[in-house]
mmCIF file of all heavy atoms, coordinates in Angstrom:
data_MODEL
# 
_entry.id   MODEL 
# 
loop_
_atom_site.group_PDB 
_atom_site.id 
_atom_site.type_symbol 
_atom_site.label_atom_id 
_atom_site.label_alt_id 
_atom_site.label_comp_id 
_atom_site.label_asym_id 
_atom_site.label_entity_id 
_atom_site.label_seq_id 
_atom_site.pdbx_PDB_ins_code 
_atom_site.Cartn_x 
_atom_site.Cartn_y 
_atom_site.Cartn_z 
_atom_site.occupancy 
_atom_site.B_iso_or_equiv 
_atom_site.pdbx_formal_charge 
_atom_site.auth_seq_id 
_atom_site.auth_comp_id 
_atom_site.auth_asym_id 
_atom_site.auth_atom_id 
_atom_site.pdbx_PDB_model_num 
ATOM 1   N N   . SER A 1 1  ? 19.334  -4.781  -8.743  1.00 0.00 ? 1  SER A N   1 
ATOM 2   C CA  . SER A 1 1  ? 18.469  -5.674  -9.526  1.00 0.00 ? 1  SER A CA  1 
ATOM 3   C C   . SER A 1 1  ? 17.032  -5.167  -9.538  1.00 0.00 ? 1  SER A C   1 
ATOM 4   O O   . SER A 1 1  ? 16.175  -5.717  -8.839  1.00 0.00 ? 1  SER A O   1 
ATOM 5   C CB  . SER A 1 1  ? 18.525  -7.096  -8.964  1.00 0.00 ? 1  SER A CB  1 
ATOM 6   O OG  . SER A 1 1  ? 18.361  -7.092  -7.543  1.00 0.00 ? 1  SER A OG  1 
ATOM 7   N N   . PRO A 1 2  ? 16.760  -4.113  -10.311 1.00 0.00 ? 2  PRO A N   1 
ATOM 8   C CA  . PRO A 1 2  ? 15.395  -3.569  -10.368 1.00 0.00 ? 2  PRO A CA  1 
ATOM 9   C C   . PRO A 1 2  ? 14.370  -4.570  -10.863 1.00 0.00 ? 2  PRO A C   1 
ATOM 10  O O   . PRO A 1 2  ? 13.190  -4.468  -10.514 1.00 0.00 ? 2  PRO A O   1 
ATOM 11  C CB  . PRO A 1 2  ? 15.524  -2.383  -11.338 1.00 0.00 ? 2  PRO A CB  1 
ATOM 12  C CG  . PRO A 1 2  ? 16.769  -2.657  -12.121 1.00 0.00 ? 2  PRO A CG  1 
ATOM 13  C CD  . PRO A 1 2  ? 17.684  -3.382  -11.198 1.00 0.00 ? 2  PRO A CD  1 
ATOM 14  N N   . GLU A 1 3  ? 14.816  -5.542  -11.644 1.00 0.00 ? 3  GLU A N   1 
ATOM 15  C CA  . GLU A 1 3  ? 13.888  -6.558  -12.154 1.00 0.00 ? 3  GLU A CA  1 
ATOM 16  C C   . GLU A 1 3  ? 13.366  -7.477  -11.056 1.00 0.00 ? 3  GLU A C   1 
ATOM 17  O O   . GLU A 1 3  ? 12.389  -8.201  -11.246 1.00 0.00 ? 3  GLU A O   1 
ATOM 18  C CB  . GLU A 1 3  ? 14.565  -7.389  -13.250 1.00 0.00 ? 3  GLU A CB  1 
ATOM 19  C CG  . GLU A 1 3  ? 15.610  -8.383  -12.781 1.00 0.00 ? 3  GLU A CG  1 
ATOM 20  C CD  . GLU A 1 3  ? 16.955  -7.752  -12.389 1.00 0.00 ? 3  GLU A CD  1 
ATOM 21  O OE1 . GLU A 1 3  ? 17.128  -6.532  -12.631 1.00 0.00 ? 3  GLU A OE1 1 
ATOM 22  O OE2 . GLU A 1 3  ? 17.819  -8.475  -11.855 1.00 0.00 ? 3  GLU A OE2 1 
ATOM 23  N N   . ARG A 1 4  ? 13.986  -7.453  -9.878  1.00 0.00 ? 4  ARG A N   1 
ATOM 24  C CA  . ARG A 1 4  ? 13.554  -8.309  -8.769  1.00 0.00 ? 4  ARG A CA  1 
ATOM 25  C C   . ARG A 1 4  ? 12.650  -7.566  -7.790  1.00 0.00 ? 4  ARG A C   1 
ATOM 26  O O   . ARG A 1 4  ? 12.356  -8.060  -6.709  1.00 0.00 ? 4  ARG A O   1 
ATOM 27  C CB  . ARG A 1 4  ? 14.767  -8.887  -8.042  1.00 0.00 ? 4  ARG A CB  1 
ATOM 28  C CG  . ARG A 1 4  ? 15.633  -9.805  -8.908  1.00 0.00 ? 4  ARG A CG  1 
ATOM 29  C CD  . ARG A 1 4  ? 16.351  -10.827 -8.058  1.00 0.00 ? 4  ARG A CD  1 
ATOM 30  N NE  . ARG A 1 4  ? 15.403  -11.716 -7.396  1.00 0.00 ? 4  ARG A NE  1 
ATOM 31  C CZ  . ARG A 1 4  ? 15.641  -12.307 -6.211  1.00 0.00 ? 4  ARG A CZ  1 
ATOM 32  N NH1 . ARG A 1 4  ? 16.775  -12.058 -5.563  1.00 0.00 ? 4  ARG A NH1 1 
ATOM 33  N NH2 . ARG A 1 4  ? 14.738  -13.104 -5.672  1.00 0.00 ? 4  ARG A NH2 1 
ATOM 34  N N   . ILE A 1 5  ? 12.186  -6.380  -8.193  1.00 0.00 ? 5  ILE A N   1 
ATOM 35  C CA  . ILE A 1 5  ? 11.184  -5.654  -7.429  1.00 0.00 ? 5  ILE A CA  1 
ATOM 36  C C   . ILE A 1 5  ? 9.875   -5.712  -8.209  1.00 0.00 ? 5  ILE A C   1 
ATOM 37  O O   . ILE A 1 5  ? 9.837   -5.370  -9.389  1.00 0.00 ? 5  ILE A O   1 
ATOM 38  C CB  . ILE A 1 5  ? 11.587  -4.188  -7.201  1.00 0.00 ? 5  ILE A CB  1 
ATOM 39  C CG1 . ILE A 1 5  ? 12.908  -4.099  -6.431  1.00 0.00 ? 5  ILE A CG1 1 
ATOM 40  C CG2 . ILE A 1 5  ? 10.490  -3.437  -6.457  1.00 0.00 ? 5  ILE A CG2 1 
ATOM 41  C CD1 . ILE A 1 5  ? 13.422  -2.680  -6.260  1.00 0.00 ? 5  ILE A CD1 1 
ATOM 42  N N   . MET A 1 6  ? 8.810   -6.177  -7.584  1.00 0.00 ? 6  MET A N   1 
ATOM 43  C CA  . MET A 1 6  ? 7.524   -6.245  -8.271  1.00 0.00 ? 6  MET A CA  1 
ATOM 44  C C   . MET A 1 6  ? 6.426   -5.654  -7.395  1.00 0.00 ? 6  MET A C   1 
ATOM 45  O O   . MET A 1 6  ? 6.589   -5.503  -6.176  1.00 0.00 ? 6  MET A O   1 
ATOM 46  C CB  . MET A 1 6  ? 7.175   -7.688  -8.644  1.00 0.00 ? 6  MET A CB  1 
ATOM 47  C CG  . MET A 1 6  ? 6.798   -8.585  -7.476  1.00 0.00 ? 6  MET A CG  1 
ATOM 48  S SD  . MET A 1 6  ? 6.122   -10.192 -8.047  1.00 0.00 ? 6  MET A SD  1 
ATOM 49  C CE  . MET A 1 6  ? 4.535   -9.663  -8.734  1.00 0.00 ? 6  MET A CE  1 
ATOM 50  N N   . TYR A 1 7  ? 5.337   -5.312  -8.049  1.00 0.00 ? 7  TYR A N   1 
ATOM 51  C CA  . TYR A 1 7  ? 4.172   -4.812  -7.336  1.00 0.00 ? 7  TYR A CA  1 
ATOM 52  C C   . TYR A 1 7  ? 3.102   -5.885  -7.330  1.00 0.00 ? 7  TYR A C   1 
ATOM 53  O O   . TYR A 1 7  ? 2.802   -6.489  -8.366  1.00 0.00 ? 7  TYR A O   1 
ATOM 54  C CB  . TYR A 1 7  ? 3.619   -3.542  -7.981  1.00 0.00 ? 7  TYR A CB  1 
ATOM 55  C CG  . TYR A 1 7  ? 2.655   -2.827  -7.065  1.00 0.00 ? 7  TYR A CG  1 
ATOM 56  C CD1 . TYR A 1 7  ? 3.101   -1.806  -6.237  1.00 0.00 ? 7  TYR A CD1 1 
ATOM 57  C CD2 . TYR A 1 7  ? 1.315   -3.198  -6.993  1.00 0.00 ? 7  TYR A CD2 1 
ATOM 58  C CE1 . TYR A 1 7  ? 2.240   -1.165  -5.361  1.00 0.00 ? 7  TYR A CE1 1 
ATOM 59  C CE2 . TYR A 1 7  ? 0.447   -2.567  -6.120  1.00 0.00 ? 7  TYR A CE2 1 
ATOM 60  C CZ  . TYR A 1 7  ? 0.912   -1.547  -5.313  1.00 0.00 ? 7  TYR A CZ  1 
ATOM 61  O OH  . TYR A 1 7  ? 0.066   -0.922  -4.436  1.00 0.00 ? 7  TYR A OH  1 
ATOM 62  N N   . LEU A 1 8  ? 2.525   -6.141  -6.164  1.00 0.00 ? 8  LEU A N   1 
ATOM 63  C CA  . LEU A 1 8  ? 1.477   -7.146  -6.032  1.00 0.00 ? 8  LEU A CA  1 
ATOM 64  C C   . LEU A 1 8  ? 0.125   -6.450  -6.197  1.00 0.00 ? 8  LEU A C   1 
ATOM 65  O O   . LEU A 1 8  ? -0.427  -5.883  -5.254  1.00 0.00 ? 8  LEU A O   1 
ATOM 66  C CB  . LEU A 1 8  ? 1.572   -7.847  -4.686  1.00 0.00 ? 8  LEU A CB  1 
ATOM 67  C CG  . LEU A 1 8  ? 0.533   -8.928  -4.373  1.00 0.00 ? 8  LEU A CG  1 
ATOM 68  C CD1 . LEU A 1 8  ? 0.393   -9.923  -5.522  1.00 0.00 ? 8  LEU A CD1 1 
ATOM 69  C CD2 . LEU A 1 8  ? 0.897   -9.651  -3.080  1.00 0.00 ? 8  LEU A CD2 1 
ATOM 70  N N   . LYS A 1 9  ? -0.392  -6.487  -7.407  1.00 0.00 ? 9  LYS A N   1 
ATOM 71  C CA  . LYS A 1 9  ? -1.670  -5.851  -7.736  1.00 0.00 ? 9  LYS A CA  1 
ATOM 72  C C   . LYS A 1 9  ? -2.792  -6.797  -7.323  1.00 0.00 ? 9  LYS A C   1 
ATOM 73  O O   . LYS A 1 9  ? -3.191  -7.686  -8.077  1.00 0.00 ? 9  LYS A O   1 
ATOM 74  C CB  . LYS A 1 9  ? -1.730  -5.537  -9.227  1.00 0.00 ? 9  LYS A CB  1 
ATOM 75  C CG  . LYS A 1 9  ? -2.972  -4.792  -9.688  1.00 0.00 ? 9  LYS A CG  1 
ATOM 76  C CD  . LYS A 1 9  ? -2.888  -4.545  -11.188 1.00 0.00 ? 9  LYS A CD  1 
ATOM 77  C CE  . LYS A 1 9  ? -4.107  -3.814  -11.719 1.00 0.00 ? 9  LYS A CE  1 
ATOM 78  N NZ  . LYS A 1 9  ? -3.998  -3.573  -13.191 1.00 0.00 ? 9  LYS A NZ  1 
ATOM 79  N N   . SER A 1 10 ? -3.293  -6.601  -6.123  1.00 0.00 ? 10 SER A N   1 
ATOM 80  C CA  . SER A 1 10 ? -4.248  -7.557  -5.568  1.00 0.00 ? 10 SER A CA  1 
ATOM 81  C C   . SER A 1 10 ? -5.113  -6.897  -4.502  1.00 0.00 ? 10 SER A C   1 
ATOM 82  O O   . SER A 1 10 ? -4.592  -6.206  -3.619  1.00 0.00 ? 10 SER A O   1 
ATOM 83  C CB  . SER A 1 10 ? -3.496  -8.748  -4.962  1.00 0.00 ? 10 SER A CB  1 
ATOM 84  O OG  . SER A 1 10 ? -4.357  -9.587  -4.240  1.00 0.00 ? 10 SER A OG  1 
ATOM 85  N N   . THR A 1 11 ? -6.413  -7.135  -4.565  1.00 0.00 ? 11 THR A N   1 
ATOM 86  C CA  . THR A 1 11 ? -7.286  -6.673  -3.490  1.00 0.00 ? 11 THR A CA  1 
ATOM 87  C C   . THR A 1 11 ? -7.105  -7.536  -2.253  1.00 0.00 ? 11 THR A C   1 
ATOM 88  O O   . THR A 1 11 ? -7.266  -7.067  -1.130  1.00 0.00 ? 11 THR A O   1 
ATOM 89  C CB  . THR A 1 11 ? -8.756  -6.699  -3.938  1.00 0.00 ? 11 THR A CB  1 
ATOM 90  O OG1 . THR A 1 11 ? -9.100  -8.027  -4.365  1.00 0.00 ? 11 THR A OG1 1 
ATOM 91  C CG2 . THR A 1 11 ? -8.985  -5.735  -5.103  1.00 0.00 ? 11 THR A CG2 1 
ATOM 92  N N   . GLY A 1 12 ? -6.754  -8.815  -2.455  1.00 0.00 ? 12 GLY A N   1 
ATOM 93  C CA  . GLY A 1 12 ? -6.576  -9.721  -1.334  1.00 0.00 ? 12 GLY A CA  1 
ATOM 94  C C   . GLY A 1 12 ? -5.357  -9.420  -0.496  1.00 0.00 ? 12 GLY A C   1 
ATOM 95  O O   . GLY A 1 12 ? -5.258  -9.884  0.654   1.00 0.00 ? 12 GLY A O   1 
ATOM 96  N N   . ALA A 1 13 ? -4.418  -8.644  -1.034  1.00 0.00 ? 13 ALA A N   1 
ATOM 97  C CA  . ALA A 1 13 ? -3.206  -8.283  -0.301  1.00 0.00 ? 13 ALA A CA  1 
ATOM 98  C C   . ALA A 1 13 ? -3.209  -6.819  0.116   1.00 0.00 ? 13 ALA A C   1 
ATOM 99  O O   . ALA A 1 13 ? -2.184  -6.281  0.538   1.00 0.00 ? 13 ALA A O   1 
ATOM 100 C CB  . ALA A 1 13 ? -1.972  -8.568  -1.151  1.00 0.00 ? 13 ALA A CB  1 
ATOM 101 N N   . THR A 1 14 ? -4.355  -6.157  0.004   1.00 0.00 ? 14 THR A N   1 
ATOM 102 C CA  . THR A 1 14 ? -4.458  -4.740  0.330   1.00 0.00 ? 14 THR A CA  1 
ATOM 103 C C   . THR A 1 14 ? -4.741  -4.544  1.817   1.00 0.00 ? 14 THR A C   1 
ATOM 104 O O   . THR A 1 14 ? -5.707  -5.108  2.346   1.00 0.00 ? 14 THR A O   1 
ATOM 105 C CB  . THR A 1 14 ? -5.591  -4.078  -0.484  1.00 0.00 ? 14 THR A CB  1 
ATOM 106 O OG1 . THR A 1 14 ? -5.328  -4.233  -1.884  1.00 0.00 ? 14 THR A OG1 1 
ATOM 107 C CG2 . THR A 1 14 ? -5.701  -2.598  -0.149  1.00 0.00 ? 14 THR A CG2 1 
ATOM 108 N N   . VAL A 1 15 ? -3.913  -3.771  2.482   1.00 0.00 ? 15 VAL A N   1 
ATOM 109 C CA  . VAL A 1 15 ? -4.172  -3.456  3.892   1.00 0.00 ? 15 VAL A CA  1 
ATOM 110 C C   . VAL A 1 15 ? -4.790  -2.072  3.973   1.00 0.00 ? 15 VAL A C   1 
ATOM 111 O O   . VAL A 1 15 ? -4.622  -1.237  3.076   1.00 0.00 ? 15 VAL A O   1 
ATOM 112 C CB  . VAL A 1 15 ? -2.888  -3.527  4.754   1.00 0.00 ? 15 VAL A CB  1 
ATOM 113 C CG1 . VAL A 1 15 ? -2.153  -4.838  4.537   1.00 0.00 ? 15 VAL A CG1 1 
ATOM 114 C CG2 . VAL A 1 15 ? -1.970  -2.352  4.481   1.00 0.00 ? 15 VAL A CG2 1 
ATOM 115 N N   . GLU A 1 16 ? -5.505  -1.835  5.057   1.00 0.00 ? 16 GLU A N   1 
ATOM 116 C CA  . GLU A 1 16 ? -6.154  -0.542  5.272   1.00 0.00 ? 16 GLU A CA  1 
ATOM 117 C C   . GLU A 1 16 ? -5.642  0.084   6.562   1.00 0.00 ? 16 GLU A C   1 
ATOM 118 O O   . GLU A 1 16 ? -5.337  -0.620  7.526   1.00 0.00 ? 16 GLU A O   1 
ATOM 119 C CB  . GLU A 1 16 ? -7.670  -0.698  5.343   1.00 0.00 ? 16 GLU A CB  1 
ATOM 120 C CG  . GLU A 1 16 ? -8.307  -1.103  4.034   1.00 0.00 ? 16 GLU A CG  1 
ATOM 121 C CD  . GLU A 1 16 ? -9.818  -1.080  4.096   1.00 0.00 ? 16 GLU A CD  1 
ATOM 122 O OE1 . GLU A 1 16 ? -10.368 -1.379  5.186   1.00 0.00 ? 16 GLU A OE1 1 
ATOM 123 O OE2 . GLU A 1 16 ? -10.454 -0.754  3.079   1.00 0.00 ? 16 GLU A OE2 1 
ATOM 124 N N   . THR A 1 17 ? -5.564  1.403   6.544   1.00 0.00 ? 17 THR A N   1 
ATOM 125 C CA  . THR A 1 17 ? -5.127  2.143   7.720   1.00 0.00 ? 17 THR A CA  1 
ATOM 126 C C   . THR A 1 17 ? -5.922  3.438   7.800   1.00 0.00 ? 17 THR A C   1 
ATOM 127 O O   . THR A 1 17 ? -6.324  3.981   6.756   1.00 0.00 ? 17 THR A O   1 
ATOM 128 C CB  . THR A 1 17 ? -3.609  2.438   7.644   1.00 0.00 ? 17 THR A CB  1 
ATOM 129 O OG1 . THR A 1 17 ? -3.169  3.010   8.874   1.00 0.00 ? 17 THR A OG1 1 
ATOM 130 C CG2 . THR A 1 17 ? -3.272  3.383   6.509   1.00 0.00 ? 17 THR A CG2 1 
ATOM 131 N N   . PRO A 1 18 ? -6.203  3.939   8.981   1.00 0.00 ? 18 PRO A N   1 
ATOM 132 C CA  . PRO A 1 18 ? -6.985  5.178   9.069   1.00 0.00 ? 18 PRO A CA  1 
ATOM 133 C C   . PRO A 1 18 ? -6.163  6.390   8.651   1.00 0.00 ? 18 PRO A C   1 
ATOM 134 O O   . PRO A 1 18 ? -4.955  6.448   8.906   1.00 0.00 ? 18 PRO A O   1 
ATOM 135 C CB  . PRO A 1 18 ? -7.359  5.254   10.551  1.00 0.00 ? 18 PRO A CB  1 
ATOM 136 C CG  . PRO A 1 18 ? -6.304  4.450   11.251  1.00 0.00 ? 18 PRO A CG  1 
ATOM 137 C CD  . PRO A 1 18 ? -5.941  3.347   10.300  1.00 0.00 ? 18 PRO A CD  1 
ATOM 138 N N   . PRO A 1 19 ? -6.793  7.365   8.022   1.00 0.00 ? 19 PRO A N   1 
ATOM 139 C CA  . PRO A 1 19 ? -6.085  8.599   7.660   1.00 0.00 ? 19 PRO A CA  1 
ATOM 140 C C   . PRO A 1 19 ? -5.930  9.499   8.875   1.00 0.00 ? 19 PRO A C   1 
ATOM 141 O O   . PRO A 1 19 ? -6.576  9.277   9.907   1.00 0.00 ? 19 PRO A O   1 
ATOM 142 C CB  . PRO A 1 19 ? -7.022  9.235   6.623   1.00 0.00 ? 19 PRO A CB  1 
ATOM 143 C CG  . PRO A 1 19 ? -8.381  8.816   7.081   1.00 0.00 ? 19 PRO A CG  1 
ATOM 144 C CD  . PRO A 1 19 ? -8.213  7.411   7.626   1.00 0.00 ? 19 PRO A CD  1 
ATOM 145 N N   . PRO A 1 20 ? -5.088  10.501  8.800   1.00 0.00 ? 20 PRO A N   1 
ATOM 146 C CA  . PRO A 1 20 ? -5.019  11.483  9.886   1.00 0.00 ? 20 PRO A CA  1 
ATOM 147 C C   . PRO A 1 20 ? -6.401  12.064  10.149  1.00 0.00 ? 20 PRO A C   1 
ATOM 148 O O   . PRO A 1 20 ? -7.125  12.403  9.207   1.00 0.00 ? 20 PRO A O   1 
ATOM 149 C CB  . PRO A 1 20 ? -4.050  12.539  9.350   1.00 0.00 ? 20 PRO A CB  1 
ATOM 150 C CG  . PRO A 1 20 ? -3.197  11.795  8.379   1.00 0.00 ? 20 PRO A CG  1 
ATOM 151 C CD  . PRO A 1 20 ? -4.099  10.791  7.741   1.00 0.00 ? 20 PRO A CD  1 
ATOM 152 N N   . PRO A 1 21 ? -6.791  12.208  11.406  1.00 0.00 ? 21 PRO A N   1 
ATOM 153 C CA  . PRO A 1 21 ? -8.159  12.601  11.725  1.00 0.00 ? 21 PRO A CA  1 
ATOM 154 C C   . PRO A 1 21 ? -8.457  14.089  11.562  1.00 0.00 ? 21 PRO A C   1 
ATOM 155 O O   . PRO A 1 21 ? -9.616  14.485  11.469  1.00 0.00 ? 21 PRO A O   1 
ATOM 156 C CB  . PRO A 1 21 ? -8.301  12.190  13.194  1.00 0.00 ? 21 PRO A CB  1 
ATOM 157 C CG  . PRO A 1 21 ? -6.911  12.273  13.738  1.00 0.00 ? 21 PRO A CG  1 
ATOM 158 C CD  . PRO A 1 21 ? -6.015  11.856  12.611  1.00 0.00 ? 21 PRO A CD  1 
ATOM 159 N N   . ASP A 1 22 ? -7.421  14.924  11.540  1.00 0.00 ? 22 ASP A N   1 
ATOM 160 C CA  . ASP A 1 22 ? -7.659  16.368  11.449  1.00 0.00 ? 22 ASP A CA  1 
ATOM 161 C C   . ASP A 1 22 ? -6.565  17.012  10.612  1.00 0.00 ? 22 ASP A C   1 
ATOM 162 O O   . ASP A 1 22 ? -5.576  16.376  10.244  1.00 0.00 ? 22 ASP A O   1 
ATOM 163 C CB  . ASP A 1 22 ? -7.716  17.004  12.839  1.00 0.00 ? 22 ASP A CB  1 
ATOM 164 C CG  . ASP A 1 22 ? -6.511  16.647  13.702  1.00 0.00 ? 22 ASP A CG  1 
ATOM 165 O OD1 . ASP A 1 22 ? -5.366  16.830  13.231  1.00 0.00 ? 22 ASP A OD1 1 
ATOM 166 O OD2 . ASP A 1 22 ? -6.704  16.157  14.832  1.00 0.00 ? 22 ASP A OD2 1 
ATOM 167 N N   . LEU A 1 23 ? -6.764  18.281  10.308  1.00 0.00 ? 23 LEU A N   1 
ATOM 168 C CA  . LEU A 1 23 ? -5.858  18.995  9.416   1.00 0.00 ? 23 LEU A CA  1 
ATOM 169 C C   . LEU A 1 23 ? -4.445  19.081  9.982   1.00 0.00 ? 23 LEU A C   1 
ATOM 170 O O   . LEU A 1 23 ? -3.461  18.923  9.248   1.00 0.00 ? 23 LEU A O   1 
ATOM 171 C CB  . LEU A 1 23 ? -6.400  20.397  9.135   1.00 0.00 ? 23 LEU A CB  1 
ATOM 172 C CG  . LEU A 1 23 ? -5.604  21.240  8.134   1.00 0.00 ? 23 LEU A CG  1 
ATOM 173 C CD1 . LEU A 1 23 ? -5.558  20.557  6.773   1.00 0.00 ? 23 LEU A CD1 1 
ATOM 174 C CD2 . LEU A 1 23 ? -6.221  22.637  8.011   1.00 0.00 ? 23 LEU A CD2 1 
ATOM 175 N N   . LYS A 1 24 ? -4.322  19.290  11.277  1.00 0.00 ? 24 LYS A N   1 
ATOM 176 C CA  . LYS A 1 24 ? -3.001  19.422  11.896  1.00 0.00 ? 24 LYS A CA  1 
ATOM 177 C C   . LYS A 1 24 ? -2.192  18.142  11.748  1.00 0.00 ? 24 LYS A C   1 
ATOM 178 O O   . LYS A 1 24 ? -1.015  18.171  11.349  1.00 0.00 ? 24 LYS A O   1 
ATOM 179 C CB  . LYS A 1 24 ? -3.153  19.787  13.371  1.00 0.00 ? 24 LYS A CB  1 
ATOM 180 C CG  . LYS A 1 24 ? -1.835  20.046  14.086  1.00 0.00 ? 24 LYS A CG  1 
ATOM 181 C CD  . LYS A 1 24 ? -2.076  20.476  15.530  1.00 0.00 ? 24 LYS A CD  1 
ATOM 182 C CE  . LYS A 1 24 ? -0.757  20.746  16.246  1.00 0.00 ? 24 LYS A CE  1 
ATOM 183 N NZ  . LYS A 1 24 ? -0.990  21.170  17.657  1.00 0.00 ? 24 LYS A NZ  1 
# 
C-alpha cells in the first residue's frame, strides 16, 4: 500500500543529529 506512506513536510517535526566529525 504505497498510498499509505507519506512524508511529513514540517520544521516542527525535524530532528537534528551531528554529522561525522572527521573524514574517516
